[in-house]
Amino acid sequence: MQRSTVVDRSRGCGHDGGVPSIPDTPSWAVTYVASFLDRLAAERGLAANTIVAYRRDLAQFFDFCERLGLDSVDAIDRRAMRRFQAHLVTRRYAPASISRKVSAVRSFYRDAARRADVSANPAAGLPPRKRPTRLPKAIASRRLGEMLDGVVGDEPADIRDRAILEMLYGTGLRVSELAGLQVDAVRGVDLVRVDGKGGKERVVPLAGQARAWVDRYLAGARPVLATPASGGHLWVGSRGGPLGPRGVRRVVRLRLGTFPHALRHSFATHLLEGGADLRTVQELLGHIELATTQTYTAVSRSHLKAAYERSHPRA
């Protein structure tokens, strides 16, 4: 039985151990995992990073099973599944990480059972771990407005940074979506076409302050920053090259002291607080499942409860 050479650096970590590399999958599981991931990519159109996460989680699971003395995907039983979950808890993985890893194994075995690659599904009937509910951290609208208005300056980088921040908050784009925009996608248009997760395209409005600052950036700041290396990329760094997701995160951190996702969360929460319906917010955010967007309704309900308690004389 061939042993995989995984170095476990996850001790004492409340996440995935901070290891970017993918551990080796035992030789007896390689073909099954590869076929499963190929089907995932082809049938569900998952993003490359999602496929990498599936591969890493499955490799970790099968390596753990091999250490238990198991040597085939059909030899794994419910006891091994339970021991894997206990192992993750013992190693202090975050609950969300445990849920994701177990979900990856469940998906693999549902597929394997459907294809008759295993005689029985060891995950069938196994109670799912309850995933903790994490409410998005939205910034209060007035406070966020003050923070954005505090980003001042007439230098090209100042105008670019303000345009980035206004567009993140004004459109709810993911940082990767914003960083990937081309000039032609935003020049003179009211609706911006965005390539989202899994290659799913959607349209988001570009209006108000976001529109005004993007126009100002295109008119005066970008021409100063741009070089031949900029190509058609909308956002340009100080050396003239495209400003990628890391650069955008740096702008948000230095200018506002937070993360791009905080602006996306605020965008969704403030829309709901303003009366937007859930389906519209789902479409604007590019969520495939409505349940993902429904997380924000808890935030909105909290807002309503707080407003009631502040306003009602008998609250």
Protein backbone atom coordinates (compact mmCIF):
# COMPACT_ATOMS: atom_id res chain seq x y z
CA MET A 1 0.00 0.00 0.00
CA GLN A 2 1.60 3.27 -1.13
CA ARG A 3 1.86 5.95 1.50
CA SER A 4 1.26 9.57 0.65
CA THR A 5 3.74 12.14 1.83
CA VAL A 6 1.61 14.75 3.54
CA VAL A 7 3.20 17.14 5.97
CA ASP A 8 0.53 18.13 8.48
CA ARG A 9 0.99 21.76 9.51
CA SER A 10 -2.50 22.23 10.81
CA ARG A 11 -1.85 21.67 14.51
CA GLY A 12 -3.42 24.34 16.61
CA CYS A 13 -4.88 26.19 13.64
CA GLY A 14 -8.41 27.47 13.55
CA HIS A 15 -8.45 27.32 9.74
CA ASP A 16 -6.98 25.18 6.99
CA GLY A 17 -3.53 25.28 8.52
CA GLY A 18 -2.28 28.06 6.25
CA VAL A 19 -0.92 25.51 3.76
CA PRO A 20 -1.45 26.65 0.17
CA SER A 21 -0.13 23.45 -1.41
CA ILE A 22 -2.36 20.46 -2.12
CA PRO A 23 -1.45 17.28 -0.15
CA ASP A 24 -0.84 14.08 -2.07
CA THR A 25 -3.85 11.86 -2.72
CA PRO A 26 -3.21 8.15 -2.04
CA SER A 27 -2.62 6.28 -5.30
CA TRP A 28 -5.75 4.14 -4.87
CA ALA A 29 -7.99 7.24 -4.83
CA VAL A 30 -6.31 9.38 -7.49
CA THR A 31 -8.35 8.21 -10.49
CA TYR A 32 -11.68 8.45 -8.66
CA VAL A 33 -10.96 11.96 -7.38
CA ALA A 34 -9.75 13.18 -10.78
CA SER A 35 -12.88 11.87 -12.51
CA PHE A 36 -15.14 13.42 -9.88
CA LEU A 37 -13.47 16.82 -10.18
CA ASP A 38 -13.66 16.70 -13.97
CA ARG A 39 -17.41 16.11 -13.73
CA LEU A 40 -17.79 18.93 -11.21
CA ALA A 41 -16.00 21.37 -13.49
CA ALA A 42 -17.92 20.29 -16.60
CA GLU A 43 -21.41 19.95 -15.14
CA ARG A 44 -21.52 22.69 -12.54
CA GLY A 45 -19.05 25.17 -14.01
CA LEU A 46 -17.30 25.70 -10.69
CA ALA A 47 -14.48 28.22 -10.42
CA ALA A 48 -10.89 26.96 -10.52
CA ASN A 49 -10.32 27.91 -6.88
CA THR A 50 -13.36 25.88 -5.84
CA ILE A 51 -12.05 22.82 -7.67
CA VAL A 52 -8.68 23.26 -5.95
CA ALA A 53 -10.44 23.38 -2.57
CA TYR A 54 -12.34 20.15 -3.38
CA ARG A 55 -9.10 18.45 -4.41
CA ARG A 56 -7.31 19.54 -1.24
CA ASP A 57 -10.16 18.47 1.06
CA LEU A 58 -10.57 15.06 -0.59
CA ALA A 59 -6.82 14.45 -0.55
CA GLN A 60 -6.77 15.20 3.17
CA PHE A 61 -9.68 12.82 3.81
CA PHE A 62 -8.28 9.90 1.83
CA ASP A 63 -4.82 10.36 3.32
CA PHE A 64 -6.41 10.22 6.77
CA CYS A 65 -8.25 7.02 5.82
CA GLU A 66 -5.04 5.47 4.53
CA ARG A 67 -3.46 6.17 7.91
CA LEU A 68 -6.32 4.16 9.40
CA GLY A 69 -5.26 1.21 7.26
CA LEU A 70 -7.89 1.61 4.54
CA ASP A 71 -6.75 1.17 0.96
CA SER A 72 -9.73 1.72 -1.36
CA VAL A 73 -12.63 4.13 -1.74
CA ASP A 74 -15.01 1.20 -1.19
CA ALA A 75 -13.34 0.18 2.08
CA ILE A 76 -14.28 3.44 3.83
CA ASP A 77 -17.23 3.18 6.21
CA ARG A 78 -19.25 5.47 8.42
CA ARG A 79 -16.85 4.92 11.30
CA ALA A 80 -14.02 6.38 9.22
CA MET A 81 -16.21 9.36 8.37
CA ARG A 82 -16.92 10.00 12.04
CA ARG A 83 -13.25 9.67 12.96
CA PHE A 84 -12.31 12.17 10.25
CA GLN A 85 -14.75 14.72 11.66
CA ALA A 86 -13.39 14.13 15.16
CA HIS A 87 -9.85 14.51 13.84
CA LEU A 88 -10.69 17.92 12.36
CA VAL A 89 -12.26 19.06 15.62
CA THR A 90 -9.23 17.85 17.59
CA ARG A 91 -6.92 19.76 15.25
CA ARG A 92 -8.99 22.87 15.97
CA TYR A 93 -10.15 23.57 12.45
CA ALA A 94 -12.74 26.33 12.22
CA PRO A 95 -16.34 25.03 12.14
CA ALA A 96 -16.84 26.49 8.65
CA SER A 97 -13.75 24.63 7.40
CA ILE A 98 -14.95 21.36 8.92
CA SER A 99 -18.34 21.81 7.31
CA ARG A 100 -16.75 22.47 3.91
CA LYS A 101 -14.44 19.45 4.10
CA VAL A 102 -17.20 17.08 5.18
CA SER A 103 -19.44 18.46 2.46
CA ALA A 104 -16.76 17.72 -0.15
CA VAL A 105 -16.55 14.10 1.02
CA ARG A 106 -20.34 13.76 1.02
CA SER A 107 -20.51 15.07 -2.55
CA PHE A 108 -17.80 12.66 -3.66
CA TYR A 109 -19.57 9.63 -2.20
CA ARG A 110 -22.99 10.63 -3.51
CA ASP A 111 -21.44 10.75 -6.96
CA ALA A 112 -19.54 7.48 -6.44
CA ALA A 113 -22.68 5.65 -5.25
CA ARG A 114 -24.67 6.97 -8.20
CA ARG A 115 -22.01 5.64 -10.56
CA ALA A 116 -21.73 2.32 -8.66
CA ASP A 117 -18.06 2.97 -7.89
CA VAL A 118 -18.77 1.94 -4.28
CA SER A 119 -21.08 -0.72 -2.89
CA ALA A 120 -22.52 1.63 -0.28
CA ASN A 121 -22.37 5.34 0.53
CA PRO A 122 -20.68 5.70 3.95
CA ALA A 123 -22.01 9.25 4.25
CA ALA A 124 -25.66 8.25 3.77
CA GLY A 125 -27.66 8.88 6.93
CA LEU A 126 -24.73 10.54 8.67
CA PRO A 127 -26.10 13.61 10.48
CA PRO A 128 -24.66 16.75 8.87
CA ARG A 129 -22.66 19.15 10.99
CA LYS A 130 -24.58 22.32 11.58
CA ARG A 131 -22.76 25.16 9.87
CA PRO A 132 -22.46 28.21 12.11
CA THR A 133 -24.39 31.24 10.97
CA ARG A 134 -22.10 34.19 10.47
CA LEU A 135 -23.85 37.44 9.91
CA PRO A 136 -22.06 39.71 7.44
CA LYS A 137 -20.43 42.71 9.05
CA ALA A 138 -21.97 45.74 7.40
CA ILE A 139 -20.82 49.29 8.05
CA ALA A 140 -23.59 51.70 9.00
CA SER A 141 -24.61 53.74 5.97
CA ARG A 142 -23.92 57.14 7.53
CA ARG A 143 -20.56 56.01 8.85
CA LEU A 144 -19.59 54.50 5.51
CA GLY A 145 -20.58 57.70 3.72
CA GLU A 146 -18.32 59.69 6.03
CA MET A 147 -15.46 57.25 5.42
CA LEU A 148 -15.80 57.52 1.65
CA ASP A 149 -16.06 61.32 1.74
CA GLY A 150 -12.89 61.34 3.82
CA VAL A 151 -10.89 59.95 0.89
CA VAL A 152 -9.75 63.22 -0.68
CA GLY A 153 -6.93 64.45 -2.89
CA ASP A 154 -6.34 65.53 -6.48
CA GLU A 155 -3.46 63.20 -7.30
CA PRO A 156 -4.26 60.47 -9.87
CA ALA A 157 -3.86 57.74 -7.24
CA ASP A 158 -6.28 59.58 -4.92
CA ILE A 159 -8.92 59.79 -7.65
CA ARG A 160 -8.36 56.15 -8.63
CA ASP A 161 -8.71 54.98 -5.04
CA ARG A 162 -11.92 56.95 -4.49
CA ALA A 163 -13.34 55.52 -7.73
CA ILE A 164 -12.47 51.97 -6.61
CA LEU A 165 -14.13 52.45 -3.22
CA GLU A 166 -17.24 54.08 -4.63
CA MET A 167 -17.62 51.34 -7.23
CA LEU A 168 -17.18 48.53 -4.71
CA TYR A 169 -19.89 50.00 -2.51
CA GLY A 170 -22.07 51.21 -5.37
CA THR A 171 -22.16 47.91 -7.25
CA GLY A 172 -21.46 45.19 -4.67
CA LEU A 173 -18.84 43.60 -6.92
CA ARG A 174 -16.45 41.00 -5.60
CA VAL A 175 -12.86 42.20 -5.50
CA SER A 176 -11.85 39.79 -8.29
CA GLU A 177 -14.73 41.02 -10.45
CA LEU A 178 -13.80 44.65 -9.96
CA ALA A 179 -10.09 44.03 -10.60
CA GLY A 180 -10.89 42.18 -13.83
CA LEU A 181 -12.85 45.01 -15.45
CA GLN A 182 -11.78 46.51 -18.76
CA VAL A 183 -12.15 50.18 -19.71
CA ASP A 184 -14.63 49.34 -22.46
CA ALA A 185 -16.89 47.63 -19.91
CA VAL A 186 -17.59 50.88 -18.04
CA ARG A 187 -17.05 53.75 -20.45
CA GLY A 188 -20.32 55.51 -21.25
CA VAL A 189 -22.60 52.73 -20.00
CA ASP A 190 -25.21 52.60 -17.24
CA LEU A 191 -25.13 48.82 -16.92
CA VAL A 192 -21.86 46.91 -16.51
CA ARG A 193 -21.54 43.29 -17.61
CA VAL A 194 -19.56 41.26 -15.09
CA ASP A 195 -18.07 37.77 -15.33
CA GLY A 196 -18.85 36.28 -11.93
CA LYS A 197 -18.12 33.00 -10.18
CA GLY A 198 -18.27 29.90 -12.33
CA GLY A 199 -18.30 32.01 -15.50
CA LYS A 200 -21.81 33.28 -14.73
CA GLU A 201 -22.41 36.67 -16.33
CA ARG A 202 -24.60 39.31 -14.73
CA VAL A 203 -25.39 42.99 -15.18
CA VAL A 204 -25.03 45.62 -12.45
CA PRO A 205 -26.01 49.31 -12.57
CA LEU A 206 -23.29 51.94 -12.48
CA ALA A 207 -24.81 55.19 -11.24
CA GLY A 208 -24.59 57.97 -8.69
CA GLN A 209 -21.28 58.55 -6.94
CA ALA A 210 -19.75 55.42 -8.44
CA ARG A 211 -20.51 56.62 -11.97
CA ALA A 212 -19.24 60.14 -11.22
CA TRP A 213 -15.93 58.98 -9.76
CA VAL A 214 -15.28 56.38 -12.46
CA ASP A 215 -15.85 59.10 -15.09
CA ARG A 216 -13.46 61.43 -13.30
CA TYR A 217 -10.87 58.67 -13.08
CA LEU A 218 -11.17 57.85 -16.78
CA ALA A 219 -11.02 61.49 -17.81
CA GLY A 220 -7.99 62.65 -15.86
CA ALA A 221 -6.36 60.06 -13.58
CA ARG A 222 -6.05 56.92 -15.65
CA PRO A 223 -4.38 58.65 -18.63
CA VAL A 224 -1.65 59.84 -16.25
CA LEU A 225 -1.15 56.45 -14.61
CA ALA A 226 -1.42 54.29 -17.74
CA THR A 227 1.51 52.88 -19.71
CA PRO A 228 1.62 50.38 -22.59
CA ALA A 229 1.63 47.68 -19.91
CA SER A 230 -1.85 48.78 -18.78
CA GLY A 231 -3.55 47.37 -21.86
CA GLY A 232 -7.31 47.70 -21.62
CA HIS A 233 -7.45 47.13 -17.87
CA LEU A 234 -9.59 49.65 -16.05
CA TRP A 235 -7.54 49.89 -12.89
CA VAL A 236 -3.89 50.86 -13.16
CA GLY A 237 -1.20 50.67 -10.48
CA SER A 238 1.46 53.25 -9.69
CA ARG A 239 3.91 51.63 -12.13
CA GLY A 240 1.40 51.45 -14.95
CA GLY A 241 0.58 47.76 -14.76
CA PRO A 242 -2.90 46.36 -14.08
CA LEU A 243 -4.04 46.66 -10.47
CA GLY A 244 -5.01 43.16 -9.40
CA PRO A 245 -7.14 41.89 -6.49
CA ARG A 246 -4.26 42.22 -4.04
CA GLY A 247 -3.78 45.85 -5.04
CA VAL A 248 -7.50 46.55 -4.64
CA ARG A 249 -7.49 44.98 -1.17
CA ARG A 250 -4.54 47.17 -0.26
CA VAL A 251 -6.41 50.30 -1.37
CA VAL A 252 -9.42 49.39 0.78
CA ARG A 253 -7.25 48.55 3.77
CA LEU A 254 -5.16 51.74 3.59
CA ARG A 255 -8.03 54.09 2.79
CA LEU A 256 -10.83 52.66 4.94
CA GLY A 257 -9.13 50.22 7.31
CA THR A 258 -11.34 47.33 6.25
CA PHE A 259 -11.77 44.71 3.52
CA PRO A 260 -13.53 44.81 0.12
CA HIS A 261 -16.11 42.28 1.30
CA ALA A 262 -17.21 44.73 4.00
CA LEU A 263 -18.31 47.08 1.20
CA ARG A 264 -20.11 44.22 -0.58
CA HIS A 265 -21.89 43.28 2.65
CA SER A 266 -22.82 46.90 3.23
CA PHE A 267 -24.14 47.22 -0.32
CA ALA A 268 -26.50 44.27 0.17
CA THR A 269 -27.59 45.18 3.68
CA HIS A 270 -28.32 48.81 2.85
CA LEU A 271 -30.35 47.80 -0.20
CA LEU A 272 -32.52 45.51 1.94
CA GLU A 273 -32.87 48.16 4.62
CA GLY A 274 -33.99 50.55 1.91
CA GLY A 275 -36.75 48.22 0.75
CA ALA A 276 -35.12 46.26 -2.09
CA ASP A 277 -36.53 42.75 -2.55
CA LEU A 278 -34.42 39.68 -1.93
CA ARG A 279 -34.49 38.43 -5.53
CA THR A 280 -33.12 41.73 -6.83
CA VAL A 281 -30.28 41.69 -4.30
CA GLN A 282 -29.55 38.06 -5.21
CA GLU A 283 -29.22 39.03 -8.88
CA LEU A 284 -27.02 42.04 -8.14
CA LEU A 285 -24.69 40.00 -5.93
CA GLY A 286 -24.49 37.12 -8.40
CA HIS A 287 -25.56 34.50 -5.86
CA ILE A 288 -26.61 31.22 -7.45
CA GLU A 289 -28.67 30.15 -4.42
CA LEU A 290 -31.25 32.43 -2.82
CA ALA A 291 -30.33 30.90 0.55
CA THR A 292 -26.93 32.62 0.32
CA THR A 293 -28.59 36.01 -0.05
CA GLN A 294 -31.05 35.26 2.75
CA THR A 295 -28.18 35.60 5.21
CA TYR A 296 -28.58 39.33 4.80
CA THR A 297 -32.22 39.28 5.90
CA ALA A 298 -31.03 38.53 9.44
CA VAL A 299 -28.91 41.67 9.29
CA SER A 300 -31.89 43.66 8.04
CA ARG A 301 -34.11 42.23 10.77
CA SER A 302 -31.52 43.28 13.35
CA HIS A 303 -31.67 46.79 11.89
CA LEU A 304 -35.47 46.85 12.13
CA LYS A 305 -35.42 45.59 15.71
CA ALA A 306 -32.88 48.21 16.74
CA ALA A 307 -34.92 50.95 15.05
CA TYR A 308 -38.05 49.75 16.85
CA GLU A 309 -36.33 49.72 20.22
CA ARG A 310 -34.98 53.22 19.65
CA SER A 311 -38.27 54.66 18.43
CA HIS A 312 -41.21 53.00 20.16
CA PRO A 313 -42.13 54.53 23.53
CA ARG A 314 -43.04 51.14 25.02
CA ALA A 315 -40.23 49.09 23.49
